[in-house]
């Protein structure tokens, strides 16, 4: 028979893996990626509406963006609202997921 050689100092002890911590890390990676995507898409929507209303030549000429609400129609205002909601839902999703994981871990232990 072959002799088994262990590289660790205590080969007979069983190694425990904290599966909850691994799941939490995976969830954090997914939620953080989702947060970045919602921030990027929301800001892209808002900047697209502002860009379409202020042509690039008028921006270069005046060096300022308009804040006149009368210049935006209902569709544009709705797009800006949706972009703002997307931008705020990313951090809210991160907060809610971390809160739920903490709540589950506290009740589990």
C-alpha atoms as a PDB file:
ATOM      1  CA  UNK A   1       0.000   0.000   0.000  1.00  0.00           C
ATOM      2  CA  UNK A   2       1.033   3.538  -0.663  1.00  0.00           C
ATOM      3  CA  UNK A   3       1.757   5.838   2.168  1.00  0.00           C
ATOM      4  CA  UNK A   4      -0.271   9.062   2.230  1.00  0.00           C
ATOM      5  CA  UNK A   5       1.656  12.229   2.985  1.00  0.00           C
ATOM      6  CA  UNK A   6      -0.270  15.267   4.200  1.00  0.00           C
ATOM      7  CA  UNK A   7       1.088  18.735   3.649  1.00  0.00           C
ATOM      8  CA  UNK A   8      -0.816  20.369   6.483  1.00  0.00           C
ATOM      9  CA  UNK A   9       0.097  20.383  10.133  1.00  0.00           C
ATOM     10  CA  UNK A  10      -3.135  18.703  11.289  1.00  0.00           C
ATOM     11  CA  UNK A  11      -4.308  16.388   8.517  1.00  0.00           C
ATOM     12  CA  UNK A  12      -6.986  14.555  10.474  1.00  0.00           C
ATOM     13  CA  UNK A  13      -9.167  17.580  11.237  1.00  0.00           C
ATOM     14  CA  UNK A  14     -12.064  18.338   8.996  1.00  0.00           C
ATOM     15  CA  UNK A  15     -12.086  21.744   7.295  1.00  0.00           C
ATOM     16  CA  UNK A  16     -15.334  23.647   7.696  1.00  0.00           C
ATOM     17  CA  UNK A  17     -16.508  25.977   4.973  1.00  0.00           C
ATOM     18  CA  UNK A  18     -18.798  28.854   5.797  1.00  0.00           C
ATOM     19  CA  UNK A  19     -21.331  28.485   2.987  1.00  0.00           C
ATOM     20  CA  UNK A  20     -23.334  31.485   4.134  1.00  0.00           C
ATOM     21  CA  UNK A  21     -20.295  33.725   3.754  1.00  0.00           C
ATOM     22  CA  UNK A  22     -19.678  32.357   0.257  1.00  0.00           C
ATOM     23  CA  UNK A  23     -23.295  32.979  -0.735  1.00  0.00           C
ATOM     24  CA  UNK A  24     -23.129  36.463   0.735  1.00  0.00           C
ATOM     25  CA  UNK A  25     -19.995  37.242  -1.268  1.00  0.00           C
ATOM     26  CA  UNK A  26     -21.634  36.006  -4.475  1.00  0.00           C
ATOM     27  CA  UNK A  27     -24.763  38.032  -3.757  1.00  0.00           C
ATOM     28  CA  UNK A  28     -22.636  41.140  -3.111  1.00  0.00           C
ATOM     29  CA  UNK A  29     -20.869  40.712  -6.455  1.00  0.00           C
ATOM     30  CA  UNK A  30     -24.189  40.414  -8.294  1.00  0.00           C
ATOM     31  CA  UNK A  31     -25.806  43.320  -6.431  1.00  0.00           C
ATOM     32  CA  UNK A  32     -22.806  45.619  -6.895  1.00  0.00           C
ATOM     33  CA  UNK A  33     -22.742  44.870 -10.620  1.00  0.00           C
ATOM     34  CA  UNK A  34     -26.469  45.602 -10.790  1.00  0.00           C
ATOM     35  CA  UNK A  35     -25.933  48.863  -8.925  1.00  0.00           C
ATOM     36  CA  UNK A  36     -23.279  49.988 -11.401  1.00  0.00           C
ATOM     37  CA  UNK A  37     -25.484  49.066 -14.356  1.00  0.00           C
ATOM     38  CA  UNK A  38     -28.516  50.945 -13.006  1.00  0.00           C
ATOM     39  CA  UNK A  39     -26.397  54.024 -12.278  1.00  0.00           C
ATOM     40  CA  UNK A  40     -24.912  53.949 -15.774  1.00  0.00           C
ATOM     41  CA  UNK A  41     -28.234  53.390 -17.563  1.00  0.00           C
ATOM     42  CA  UNK A  42     -30.054  56.018 -15.486  1.00  0.00           C
ATOM     43  CA  UNK A  43     -27.424  58.665 -16.083  1.00  0.00           C
ATOM     44  CA  UNK A  44     -27.294  57.755 -19.780  1.00  0.00           C
ATOM     45  CA  UNK A  45     -31.063  58.267 -20.081  1.00  0.00           C
ATOM     46  CA  UNK A  46     -30.923  61.643 -18.356  1.00  0.00           C
ATOM     47  CA  UNK A  47     -27.910  62.835 -20.342  1.00  0.00           C
ATOM     48  CA  UNK A  48     -29.512  61.696 -23.610  1.00  0.00           C
ATOM     49  CA  UNK A  49     -32.646  63.748 -22.936  1.00  0.00           C
ATOM     50  CA  UNK A  50     -30.612  66.814 -21.996  1.00  0.00           C
ATOM     51  CA  UNK A  51     -28.349  66.380 -25.033  1.00  0.00           C
ATOM     52  CA  UNK A  52     -31.294  66.090 -27.417  1.00  0.00           C
ATOM     53  CA  UNK A  53     -32.864  69.249 -26.034  1.00  0.00           C
ATOM     54  CA  UNK A  54     -29.640  71.226 -26.096  1.00  0.00           C
ATOM     55  CA  UNK A  55     -27.869  70.750 -29.377  1.00  0.00           C
ATOM     56  CA  UNK A  56     -24.112  70.490 -29.137  1.00  0.00           C
ATOM     57  CA  UNK A  57     -23.581  73.799 -30.955  1.00  0.00           C
ATOM     58  CA  UNK A  58     -25.766  75.703 -28.517  1.00  0.00           C
ATOM     59  CA  UNK A  59     -23.905  74.127 -25.605  1.00  0.00           C
ATOM     60  CA  UNK A  60     -20.581  75.164 -27.097  1.00  0.00           C
ATOM     61  CA  UNK A  61     -21.866  78.656 -27.807  1.00  0.00           C
ATOM     62  CA  UNK A  62     -23.555  79.353 -24.467  1.00  0.00           C
ATOM     63  CA  UNK A  63     -21.387  77.183 -22.176  1.00  0.00           C
ATOM     64  CA  UNK A  64     -24.424  76.221 -20.128  1.00  0.00           C
ATOM     65  CA  UNK A  65     -27.323  73.782 -20.128  1.00  0.00           C
ATOM     66  CA  UNK A  66     -30.895  74.911 -19.928  1.00  0.00           C
ATOM     67  CA  UNK A  67     -32.925  74.308 -16.822  1.00  0.00           C
ATOM     68  CA  UNK A  68     -36.131  75.704 -18.299  1.00  0.00           C
ATOM     69  CA  UNK A  69     -38.828  73.143 -17.528  1.00  0.00           C
ATOM     70  CA  UNK A  70     -41.020  74.480 -20.339  1.00  0.00           C
ATOM     71  CA  UNK A  71     -38.507  73.258 -22.899  1.00  0.00           C
ATOM     72  CA  UNK A  72     -39.084  69.621 -21.908  1.00  0.00           C
ATOM     73  CA  UNK A  73     -42.278  67.892 -22.993  1.00  0.00           C
ATOM     74  CA  UNK A  74     -44.082  65.194 -21.004  1.00  0.00           C
ATOM     75  CA  UNK A  75     -42.154  62.359 -22.614  1.00  0.00           C
ATOM     76  CA  UNK A  76     -38.834  63.979 -21.724  1.00  0.00           C
ATOM     77  CA  UNK A  77     -39.908  64.643 -18.150  1.00  0.00           C
ATOM     78  CA  UNK A  78     -40.994  60.997 -17.831  1.00  0.00           C
ATOM     79  CA  UNK A  79     -37.631  59.833 -19.200  1.00  0.00           C
ATOM     80  CA  UNK A  80     -35.775  62.017 -16.685  1.00  0.00           C
ATOM     81  CA  UNK A  81     -37.967  60.643 -13.885  1.00  0.00           C
ATOM     82  CA  UNK A  82     -37.281  57.053 -14.987  1.00  0.00           C
ATOM     83  CA  UNK A  83     -33.550  57.763 -15.171  1.00  0.00           C
ATOM     84  CA  UNK A  84     -33.605  59.236 -11.672  1.00  0.00           C
ATOM     85  CA  UNK A  85     -35.548  56.246 -10.365  1.00  0.00           C
ATOM     86  CA  UNK A  86     -33.006  53.874 -11.920  1.00  0.00           C
ATOM     87  CA  UNK A  87     -30.140  55.805 -10.375  1.00  0.00           C
ATOM     88  CA  UNK A  88     -31.681  55.655  -6.906  1.00  0.00           C
ATOM     89  CA  UNK A  89     -32.822  52.046  -7.143  1.00  0.00           C
ATOM     90  CA  UNK A  90     -29.249  50.747  -7.479  1.00  0.00           C
ATOM     91  CA  UNK A  91     -28.042  51.829  -4.024  1.00  0.00           C
ATOM     92  CA  UNK A  92     -31.437  50.943  -2.552  1.00  0.00           C
ATOM     93  CA  UNK A  93     -31.104  47.399  -3.925  1.00  0.00           C
ATOM     94  CA  UNK A  94     -27.664  47.074  -2.361  1.00  0.00           C
ATOM     95  CA  UNK A  95     -28.977  48.283   0.987  1.00  0.00           C
ATOM     96  CA  UNK A  96     -31.977  45.931   0.932  1.00  0.00           C
ATOM     97  CA  UNK A  97     -29.958  42.851  -0.025  1.00  0.00           C
ATOM     98  CA  UNK A  98     -27.309  43.487   2.630  1.00  0.00           C
ATOM     99  CA  UNK A  99     -30.034  44.111   5.203  1.00  0.00           C
ATOM    100  CA  UNK A 100     -31.790  40.848   4.322  1.00  0.00           C
ATOM    101  CA  UNK A 101     -28.543  38.865   4.520  1.00  0.00           C
ATOM    102  CA  UNK A 102     -27.742  40.364   7.940  1.00  0.00           C
ATOM    103  CA  UNK A 103     -31.267  39.641   9.126  1.00  0.00           C
ATOM    104  CA  UNK A 104     -31.025  36.015   7.965  1.00  0.00           C
ATOM    105  CA  UNK A 105     -27.568  35.534   9.469  1.00  0.00           C
ATOM    106  CA  UNK A 106     -28.672  36.955  12.838  1.00  0.00           C
ATOM    107  CA  UNK A 107     -31.713  34.696  12.975  1.00  0.00           C
ATOM    108  CA  UNK A 108     -29.717  31.685  11.841  1.00  0.00           C
ATOM    109  CA  UNK A 109     -27.000  31.951  14.468  1.00  0.00           C
END
